[in-house]
Amino acid sequence: MIPTLEQIMGRVDDPETPVVWLDPVMPSEFWQALPDGLRSRGYRVFHIDQHGVVEDRKDLLARFDQLVHTQQPQGHDFESLKRCLLALAGDCERGWAVLFSNPDPLRQDDEEAFEELMEVLELVHESIYEIHMKSFKFVVRD
């Protein structure tokens, strides 16, 4: 049974859940409604693959350049990305939601980059929640 948008929002709101895994059969209408639903709850939304497929580490880090463009140049490694994401904590009401609706190409071509991204986002969530009581959620299709 596919959860409702409201049920997914409850999972996103849970501070103990940095990564919200969504069923791959989730209809495309859901992914279209998700950003507005998150924004209406006070989250800023960044959709990693909104403008095309992400296949490797270089593509992935380049997408995050769009998000952190107001920060110092991040370099192209996950440690720099982590520092930049931590600096974004205070600029939104409830936190951030990072959406990744089609991670399969990245997972197939560079599983290590996907795992590193998850580790960074989990660490950022834990740090931001501890310091600011805000979230940094990773919402990803499993």
Protein backbone atom coordinates (compact mmCIF):
# COMPACT_ATOMS: atom_id res chain seq x y z
CA MET A 1 0.00 0.00 0.00
CA ILE A 2 1.37 3.40 -1.01
CA PRO A 3 1.48 5.90 1.87
CA THR A 4 -0.32 9.20 1.62
CA LEU A 5 1.51 12.48 1.27
CA GLU A 6 0.54 13.29 4.86
CA GLN A 7 2.09 10.02 6.10
CA ILE A 8 5.33 10.81 4.28
CA MET A 9 5.32 14.30 5.81
CA GLY A 10 5.09 12.70 9.24
CA ARG A 11 8.23 10.69 8.47
CA VAL A 12 10.01 13.82 7.26
CA ASP A 13 9.02 15.67 10.43
CA ASP A 14 10.49 12.92 12.65
CA PRO A 15 13.87 14.22 13.92
CA GLU A 16 15.10 10.65 14.43
CA THR A 17 14.85 9.91 10.70
CA PRO A 18 17.53 11.69 8.64
CA VAL A 19 16.84 9.57 5.54
CA VAL A 20 13.28 8.95 4.35
CA TRP A 21 13.22 6.03 1.93
CA LEU A 22 10.33 5.97 -0.52
CA ASP A 23 9.03 3.02 -2.47
CA PRO A 24 10.16 2.98 -6.11
CA VAL A 25 6.55 2.47 -7.26
CA MET A 26 5.53 5.81 -5.80
CA PRO A 27 3.53 7.50 -8.58
CA SER A 28 5.04 10.49 -10.37
CA GLU A 29 2.12 12.63 -9.13
CA PHE A 30 3.45 12.11 -5.63
CA TRP A 31 6.93 13.38 -6.57
CA GLN A 32 5.29 16.39 -8.23
CA ALA A 33 3.27 17.20 -5.07
CA LEU A 34 6.08 16.54 -2.59
CA PRO A 35 8.06 19.81 -3.00
CA ASP A 36 4.99 22.01 -2.44
CA GLY A 37 3.91 19.86 0.51
CA LEU A 38 7.34 20.23 2.11
CA ARG A 39 7.46 23.96 1.48
CA SER A 40 4.01 24.40 3.04
CA ARG A 41 5.40 22.79 6.22
CA GLY A 42 8.32 25.22 6.37
CA TYR A 43 11.06 23.24 4.61
CA ARG A 44 13.33 24.57 1.90
CA VAL A 45 13.54 22.01 -0.90
CA PHE A 46 16.41 20.99 -3.13
CA HIS A 47 15.69 18.35 -5.78
CA ILE A 48 19.02 16.84 -6.84
CA ASP A 49 17.83 15.33 -10.10
CA GLN A 50 15.03 17.72 -11.03
CA HIS A 51 16.86 18.78 -14.20
CA GLY A 52 18.25 15.44 -15.32
CA VAL A 53 19.92 12.21 -14.37
CA VAL A 54 22.86 12.14 -11.96
CA GLU A 55 25.27 9.41 -12.99
CA ASP A 56 28.50 9.97 -11.10
CA ARG A 57 30.29 11.85 -8.33
CA LYS A 58 31.10 14.80 -10.61
CA ASP A 59 27.43 15.21 -11.63
CA LEU A 60 26.31 14.89 -8.02
CA LEU A 61 28.67 17.51 -6.64
CA ALA A 62 27.90 19.84 -9.56
CA ARG A 63 24.19 19.69 -8.66
CA PHE A 64 24.98 20.77 -5.12
CA ASP A 65 26.90 23.74 -6.52
CA GLN A 66 23.45 25.11 -7.41
CA LEU A 67 22.35 24.86 -3.79
CA VAL A 68 25.44 26.29 -2.14
CA HIS A 69 26.20 28.98 -4.72
CA THR A 70 25.98 31.67 -2.05
CA GLN A 71 28.62 29.99 0.11
CA GLN A 72 32.37 29.92 -0.38
CA PRO A 73 33.44 27.76 -3.32
CA GLN A 74 32.98 24.23 -2.13
CA GLY A 75 35.58 22.38 -4.12
CA HIS A 76 34.44 19.07 -5.42
CA ASP A 77 34.61 16.74 -2.49
CA PHE A 78 32.20 15.63 0.18
CA GLU A 79 34.05 17.30 3.06
CA SER A 80 33.62 20.70 1.40
CA LEU A 81 30.00 19.90 0.66
CA LYS A 82 29.40 19.06 4.32
CA ARG A 83 30.84 22.40 5.47
CA CYS A 84 28.70 24.34 2.99
CA LEU A 85 25.52 22.48 3.93
CA LEU A 86 26.11 23.10 7.62
CA ALA A 87 26.32 26.82 6.83
CA LEU A 88 22.80 26.74 5.32
CA ALA A 89 21.10 25.75 8.59
CA GLY A 90 19.80 29.10 9.74
CA ASP A 91 18.12 30.30 6.57
CA CYS A 92 14.80 28.46 6.79
CA GLU A 93 11.97 27.82 9.21
CA ARG A 94 12.10 24.04 9.75
CA GLY A 95 15.09 22.94 7.76
CA TRP A 96 15.91 21.45 4.40
CA ALA A 97 14.57 18.53 2.42
CA VAL A 98 16.88 17.14 -0.27
CA LEU A 99 14.95 15.04 -2.80
CA PHE A 100 16.49 12.37 -5.00
CA SER A 101 13.79 10.74 -7.11
CA ASN A 102 16.02 8.67 -9.41
CA PRO A 103 19.20 7.59 -7.61
CA ASP A 104 19.58 4.35 -9.60
CA PRO A 105 21.97 5.69 -12.28
CA LEU A 106 24.31 7.02 -9.58
CA ARG A 107 24.00 3.88 -7.48
CA GLN A 108 24.78 1.72 -10.51
CA ASP A 109 27.74 3.77 -11.72
CA ASP A 110 29.18 5.02 -8.42
CA GLU A 111 27.67 3.35 -5.35
CA GLU A 112 30.48 4.77 -3.22
CA ALA A 113 29.48 8.36 -4.09
CA PHE A 114 25.86 7.59 -3.16
CA GLU A 115 26.95 6.12 0.19
CA GLU A 116 29.20 9.11 0.90
CA LEU A 117 26.33 11.47 0.11
CA MET A 118 24.09 9.62 2.56
CA GLU A 119 26.75 9.81 5.28
CA VAL A 120 27.24 13.55 4.73
CA LEU A 121 23.52 14.29 4.76
CA GLU A 122 22.95 12.20 7.89
CA LEU A 123 25.80 13.97 9.67
CA VAL A 124 24.52 17.38 8.56
CA HIS A 125 21.03 16.50 9.82
CA GLU A 126 22.31 15.37 13.20
CA SER A 127 24.46 18.48 13.62
CA ILE A 128 21.81 20.93 12.49
CA TYR A 129 19.17 19.34 14.67
CA GLU A 130 21.42 19.34 17.72
CA ILE A 131 22.43 22.99 17.27
CA HIS A 132 19.39 24.65 15.67
CA MET A 133 16.52 22.17 16.27
CA LYS A 134 16.01 22.09 12.48
CA SER A 135 16.18 19.21 10.06
CA PHE A 136 18.20 18.37 6.99
CA LYS A 137 16.30 15.47 5.45
CA PHE A 138 17.25 13.25 2.56
CA VAL A 139 14.13 11.95 0.80
CA VAL A 140 15.16 9.26 -1.66
CA ARG A 141 13.55 6.60 -3.81
CA ASP A 142 14.80 3.19 -2.74
